[in-house]
Structure formats: structure tokens, C-alpha cells
N, C-alpha and C. Protein backbone atom coordinates (compact mmCIF):
# COMPACT_ATOMS: atom_id res chain seq x y z
N UNK A 1 109.30 155.14 150.16
CA UNK A 1 109.76 156.08 149.17
C UNK A 1 109.82 157.46 149.80
N UNK A 2 111.01 158.03 149.92
CA UNK A 2 111.19 159.33 150.56
C UNK A 2 111.09 160.46 149.56
N UNK A 3 110.49 161.55 150.02
CA UNK A 3 110.44 162.78 149.25
C UNK A 3 111.41 163.76 149.89
N UNK A 4 112.46 164.12 149.18
CA UNK A 4 113.49 164.97 149.75
C UNK A 4 113.60 166.28 148.99
N UNK A 5 113.60 167.42 149.70
CA UNK A 5 113.88 168.70 149.02
C UNK A 5 115.23 168.61 148.34
N UNK A 6 115.35 169.23 147.18
CA UNK A 6 116.59 169.06 146.41
C UNK A 6 116.94 170.35 145.68
N UNK A 7 118.20 170.73 145.78
CA UNK A 7 118.75 171.81 144.96
C UNK A 7 119.34 171.12 143.73
N UNK A 8 118.60 171.10 142.62
CA UNK A 8 119.06 170.41 141.42
C UNK A 8 120.21 171.16 140.76
N UNK A 9 120.11 172.49 140.72
CA UNK A 9 121.13 173.29 140.03
C UNK A 9 121.41 174.56 140.83
N UNK A 10 122.67 174.87 140.99
CA UNK A 10 123.13 176.16 141.47
C UNK A 10 124.43 176.40 140.74
N UNK A 11 124.34 177.12 139.60
CA UNK A 11 125.51 177.23 138.73
C UNK A 11 125.46 178.47 137.87
N UNK A 12 126.62 178.87 137.40
CA UNK A 12 126.71 179.94 136.41
C UNK A 12 126.36 179.38 135.04
N UNK A 13 125.81 180.22 134.22
CA UNK A 13 125.43 179.82 132.86
C UNK A 13 126.66 179.74 131.96
N UNK A 14 126.55 178.93 130.93
CA UNK A 14 127.54 178.93 129.87
C UNK A 14 126.89 179.59 128.65
N UNK A 15 127.69 179.85 127.63
CA UNK A 15 127.18 180.52 126.43
C UNK A 15 126.53 179.55 125.44
N UNK A 16 126.77 178.26 125.63
CA UNK A 16 126.15 177.24 124.80
C UNK A 16 125.47 176.23 125.71
N UNK A 17 124.56 175.46 125.16
CA UNK A 17 123.79 174.51 125.96
C UNK A 17 124.70 173.55 126.71
N UNK A 18 124.47 173.44 128.01
CA UNK A 18 125.27 172.56 128.86
C UNK A 18 124.35 171.81 129.82
N UNK A 19 124.69 170.57 130.12
CA UNK A 19 123.93 169.81 131.10
C UNK A 19 124.23 170.36 132.49
N UNK A 20 123.17 170.78 133.19
CA UNK A 20 123.30 171.32 134.54
C UNK A 20 123.03 170.26 135.59
N UNK A 21 122.15 169.30 135.27
CA UNK A 21 121.82 168.23 136.22
C UNK A 21 121.18 167.07 135.45
N UNK A 22 121.34 165.88 136.01
CA UNK A 22 120.68 164.68 135.50
C UNK A 22 119.96 164.02 136.67
N UNK A 23 118.71 163.64 136.46
CA UNK A 23 117.94 162.99 137.52
C UNK A 23 118.54 161.62 137.79
N UNK A 24 118.76 161.32 139.06
CA UNK A 24 119.42 160.08 139.47
C UNK A 24 118.60 158.85 139.10
N UNK A 25 119.30 157.73 138.93
CA UNK A 25 118.64 156.45 138.65
C UNK A 25 117.65 156.13 139.76
N UNK A 26 116.54 155.54 139.39
CA UNK A 26 115.48 155.13 140.32
C UNK A 26 114.87 156.30 141.09
N UNK A 27 114.99 157.52 140.57
CA UNK A 27 114.42 158.71 141.21
C UNK A 27 113.53 159.44 140.22
N UNK A 28 112.64 160.25 140.74
CA UNK A 28 111.84 161.18 139.95
C UNK A 28 112.12 162.57 140.49
N UNK A 29 112.35 163.51 139.61
CA UNK A 29 112.59 164.89 140.02
C UNK A 29 111.35 165.72 139.74
N UNK A 30 110.94 166.50 140.72
CA UNK A 30 109.84 167.43 140.53
C UNK A 30 110.42 168.83 140.70
N UNK A 31 110.49 169.56 139.61
CA UNK A 31 111.03 170.91 139.63
C UNK A 31 109.93 171.85 140.10
N UNK A 32 110.21 172.65 141.13
CA UNK A 32 109.19 173.55 141.67
C UNK A 32 109.56 175.02 141.53
N UNK A 33 110.85 175.32 141.37
CA UNK A 33 111.26 176.72 141.31
C UNK A 33 112.49 176.89 140.44
N UNK A 34 112.44 177.89 139.58
CA UNK A 34 113.58 178.24 138.73
C UNK A 34 113.85 179.72 138.93
N UNK A 35 115.09 180.05 139.31
CA UNK A 35 115.50 181.45 139.42
C UNK A 35 116.64 181.68 138.44
N UNK A 36 116.54 182.76 137.69
CA UNK A 36 117.60 183.15 136.76
C UNK A 36 118.02 184.55 137.17
N UNK A 37 119.26 184.68 137.65
CA UNK A 37 119.76 185.95 138.18
C UNK A 37 120.77 186.54 137.21
N UNK A 38 120.50 187.78 136.83
CA UNK A 38 121.38 188.52 135.93
C UNK A 38 122.19 189.50 136.78
N UNK A 39 123.48 189.29 136.88
CA UNK A 39 124.33 190.16 137.68
C UNK A 39 125.06 191.21 136.84
N UNK A 40 124.62 191.40 135.60
CA UNK A 40 125.27 192.37 134.72
C UNK A 40 124.47 193.67 134.65
N UNK A 41 125.08 194.68 134.04
CA UNK A 41 124.44 195.99 133.89
C UNK A 41 123.64 196.10 132.59
N UNK A 42 123.44 194.97 131.90
CA UNK A 42 122.67 194.95 130.66
C UNK A 42 121.70 193.77 130.68
N UNK A 43 120.61 193.86 129.94
CA UNK A 43 119.67 192.75 129.83
C UNK A 43 120.35 191.55 129.18
N UNK A 44 119.92 190.36 129.53
CA UNK A 44 120.44 189.12 128.95
C UNK A 44 119.26 188.26 128.52
N UNK A 45 119.56 187.18 127.82
CA UNK A 45 118.55 186.16 127.53
C UNK A 45 119.03 184.84 128.10
N UNK A 46 118.07 184.01 128.51
CA UNK A 46 118.42 182.71 129.09
C UNK A 46 117.44 181.65 128.60
N UNK A 47 117.94 180.44 128.46
CA UNK A 47 117.14 179.30 128.01
C UNK A 47 117.37 178.13 128.96
N UNK A 48 116.27 177.44 129.33
CA UNK A 48 116.32 176.23 130.14
C UNK A 48 115.60 175.14 129.36
N UNK A 49 116.22 173.95 129.29
CA UNK A 49 115.63 172.81 128.61
C UNK A 49 115.47 171.66 129.59
N UNK A 50 114.33 171.01 129.56
CA UNK A 50 114.10 169.79 130.33
C UNK A 50 114.08 168.64 129.34
N UNK A 51 115.04 167.73 129.47
CA UNK A 51 115.21 166.59 128.58
C UNK A 51 115.22 167.02 127.11
N UNK A 52 116.01 168.06 126.83
CA UNK A 52 116.23 168.61 125.49
C UNK A 52 115.01 169.28 124.88
N UNK A 53 114.00 169.60 125.67
CA UNK A 53 112.83 170.35 125.20
C UNK A 53 112.85 171.70 125.90
N UNK A 54 112.79 172.78 125.11
CA UNK A 54 112.84 174.11 125.70
C UNK A 54 111.65 174.35 126.62
N UNK A 55 111.94 174.72 127.85
CA UNK A 55 110.92 175.08 128.83
C UNK A 55 110.85 176.60 128.95
N UNK A 56 112.02 177.22 128.97
CA UNK A 56 112.14 178.68 128.92
C UNK A 56 113.02 178.96 127.71
N UNK A 57 112.54 179.76 126.78
CA UNK A 57 113.26 179.95 125.53
C UNK A 57 113.64 181.42 125.35
N UNK A 58 114.93 181.71 125.44
CA UNK A 58 115.47 183.06 125.23
C UNK A 58 114.69 184.11 126.00
N UNK A 59 114.40 183.81 127.27
CA UNK A 59 113.69 184.76 128.12
C UNK A 59 114.61 185.92 128.48
N UNK A 60 114.08 187.12 128.40
CA UNK A 60 114.86 188.31 128.72
C UNK A 60 114.80 188.57 130.23
N UNK A 61 115.98 188.80 130.81
CA UNK A 61 116.08 189.17 132.22
C UNK A 61 116.78 190.52 132.27
N UNK A 62 116.12 191.49 132.89
CA UNK A 62 116.65 192.85 132.94
C UNK A 62 117.97 192.91 133.70
N UNK A 63 118.69 193.99 133.50
CA UNK A 63 119.96 194.22 134.20
C UNK A 63 119.77 194.14 135.71
N UNK A 64 120.69 193.46 136.38
CA UNK A 64 120.67 193.34 137.84
C UNK A 64 119.31 192.93 138.39
N UNK A 65 118.69 191.95 137.76
CA UNK A 65 117.36 191.50 138.15
C UNK A 65 117.35 189.97 138.23
N UNK A 66 116.27 189.45 138.82
CA UNK A 66 116.08 188.00 138.91
C UNK A 66 114.69 187.64 138.41
N UNK A 67 114.62 186.63 137.55
CA UNK A 67 113.35 186.07 137.09
C UNK A 67 113.09 184.81 137.91
N UNK A 68 111.90 184.73 138.51
CA UNK A 68 111.54 183.55 139.30
C UNK A 68 110.32 182.91 138.67
N UNK A 69 110.41 181.61 138.43
CA UNK A 69 109.32 180.85 137.81
C UNK A 69 108.95 179.72 138.75
N UNK A 70 107.71 179.70 139.18
CA UNK A 70 107.20 178.61 140.00
C UNK A 70 106.53 177.61 139.06
N UNK A 71 106.80 176.33 139.23
CA UNK A 71 106.32 175.31 138.31
C UNK A 71 106.11 174.00 139.05
N UNK A 72 105.55 173.05 138.38
CA UNK A 72 105.43 171.67 138.87
C UNK A 72 105.74 170.77 137.68
N UNK A 73 107.01 170.61 137.37
CA UNK A 73 107.45 169.85 136.21
C UNK A 73 108.13 168.57 136.67
N UNK A 74 107.68 167.44 136.14
CA UNK A 74 108.19 166.12 136.55
C UNK A 74 109.20 165.62 135.52
N UNK A 75 110.36 165.17 136.03
CA UNK A 75 111.39 164.57 135.19
C UNK A 75 111.68 163.16 135.70
N UNK A 76 111.79 162.22 134.79
CA UNK A 76 112.06 160.82 135.14
C UNK A 76 113.56 160.59 135.30
N UNK A 77 113.90 159.46 135.89
CA UNK A 77 115.30 159.07 136.06
C UNK A 77 116.04 159.16 134.73
N UNK A 78 117.22 159.76 134.77
CA UNK A 78 118.06 159.88 133.58
C UNK A 78 117.77 161.10 132.73
N UNK A 79 116.66 161.77 132.96
CA UNK A 79 116.36 162.97 132.17
C UNK A 79 117.22 164.13 132.67
N UNK A 80 117.43 165.12 131.79
CA UNK A 80 118.39 166.18 132.07
C UNK A 80 117.74 167.55 132.20
N UNK A 81 118.48 168.40 132.89
CA UNK A 81 118.20 169.84 132.93
C UNK A 81 119.40 170.49 132.26
N UNK A 82 119.15 171.26 131.20
CA UNK A 82 120.21 171.96 130.49
C UNK A 82 119.89 173.44 130.46
N UNK A 83 120.89 174.25 130.21
CA UNK A 83 120.65 175.68 130.12
C UNK A 83 121.83 176.42 129.54
N UNK A 84 121.56 177.67 129.14
CA UNK A 84 122.60 178.57 128.67
C UNK A 84 122.04 179.98 128.66
N UNK A 85 122.92 180.96 128.53
CA UNK A 85 122.51 182.36 128.53
C UNK A 85 123.45 183.17 127.65
N UNK A 86 123.09 184.42 127.45
CA UNK A 86 123.91 185.28 126.61
C UNK A 86 125.08 185.89 127.38
N UNK A 87 125.22 185.53 128.66
CA UNK A 87 126.34 185.98 129.49
C UNK A 87 126.66 184.90 130.52
N UNK A 88 127.94 184.73 130.80
CA UNK A 88 128.32 183.77 131.84
C UNK A 88 128.15 184.35 133.25
N UNK A 89 127.73 185.61 133.34
CA UNK A 89 127.46 186.23 134.64
C UNK A 89 126.04 185.91 135.13
N UNK A 90 125.32 185.11 134.38
CA UNK A 90 123.97 184.70 134.76
C UNK A 90 124.08 183.47 135.67
N UNK A 91 123.25 183.45 136.72
CA UNK A 91 123.24 182.33 137.67
C UNK A 91 121.89 181.62 137.61
N UNK A 92 121.95 180.28 137.55
CA UNK A 92 120.74 179.45 137.57
C UNK A 92 120.61 178.80 138.94
N UNK A 93 119.40 178.85 139.51
CA UNK A 93 119.07 178.16 140.76
C UNK A 93 117.77 177.39 140.49
N UNK A 94 117.84 176.08 140.49
CA UNK A 94 116.69 175.25 140.18
C UNK A 94 116.50 174.25 141.32
N UNK A 95 115.33 174.28 141.95
CA UNK A 95 115.09 173.41 143.09
C UNK A 95 113.76 172.70 142.97
N UNK A 96 113.56 171.73 143.86
CA UNK A 96 112.32 170.98 143.86
C UNK A 96 112.37 169.84 144.85
N UNK A 97 111.82 168.71 144.44
CA UNK A 97 111.71 167.54 145.29
C UNK A 97 112.19 166.32 144.51
N UNK A 98 112.95 165.47 145.18
CA UNK A 98 113.38 164.20 144.59
C UNK A 98 112.59 163.08 145.27
N UNK A 99 111.95 162.25 144.46
CA UNK A 99 111.10 161.17 144.96
C UNK A 99 111.73 159.85 144.58
N UNK A 100 111.74 158.92 145.53
CA UNK A 100 112.21 157.58 145.19
C UNK A 100 113.22 157.03 146.14
């Protein structure tokens, strides 16, 4: 069973909840880092859901700033990472380890 570093998400946010990644069949995803980058001149809010459960809920990110969250969250095969923000200029970067 190999443990491989994985970039689960590198994407711009949408204004409504959207699936950003799904854990592959026969794999386990361990999320270790979440970065939310606001490239606008105004504060925004962002939400991240793991398998439809809010993990980060309407978190405020200051203008031209990045919020970094270190975590150890395990997702099973088929579970999803979803997200959205109050601006499409927000970038999500979610990484970790894929096991299996």
C-alpha cells in the first residue's frame, strides 16, 4: 500500500457549492493542508465541506491575503471535497496524502 503526496484541489472558487475533488475508489485521502487565497481588494468569505459536512464555514479572508489551515482529516473512497466563496477570484489549494 503506497502513500503518495497528492494535490487534491487547485482551483478557483465558484459562488455556489461545487465538487472540487472525489477520493478515488480503493483509496483513502488524508487532507493535511488547506490554503484559501483571496486575490481581490476586499474581504471575502469561503466555505469548505468534506463529504457534505462543513469543515470551514463562511471563514473571512482579508483582501489580498491567504488563510492556511493545517489539519489531519481522513476521507474514505468516494467521499468529496466541496467548496465555494463569495468571489470567483478566490483560489483553493488542498493537499495531503493518498493511501491505498
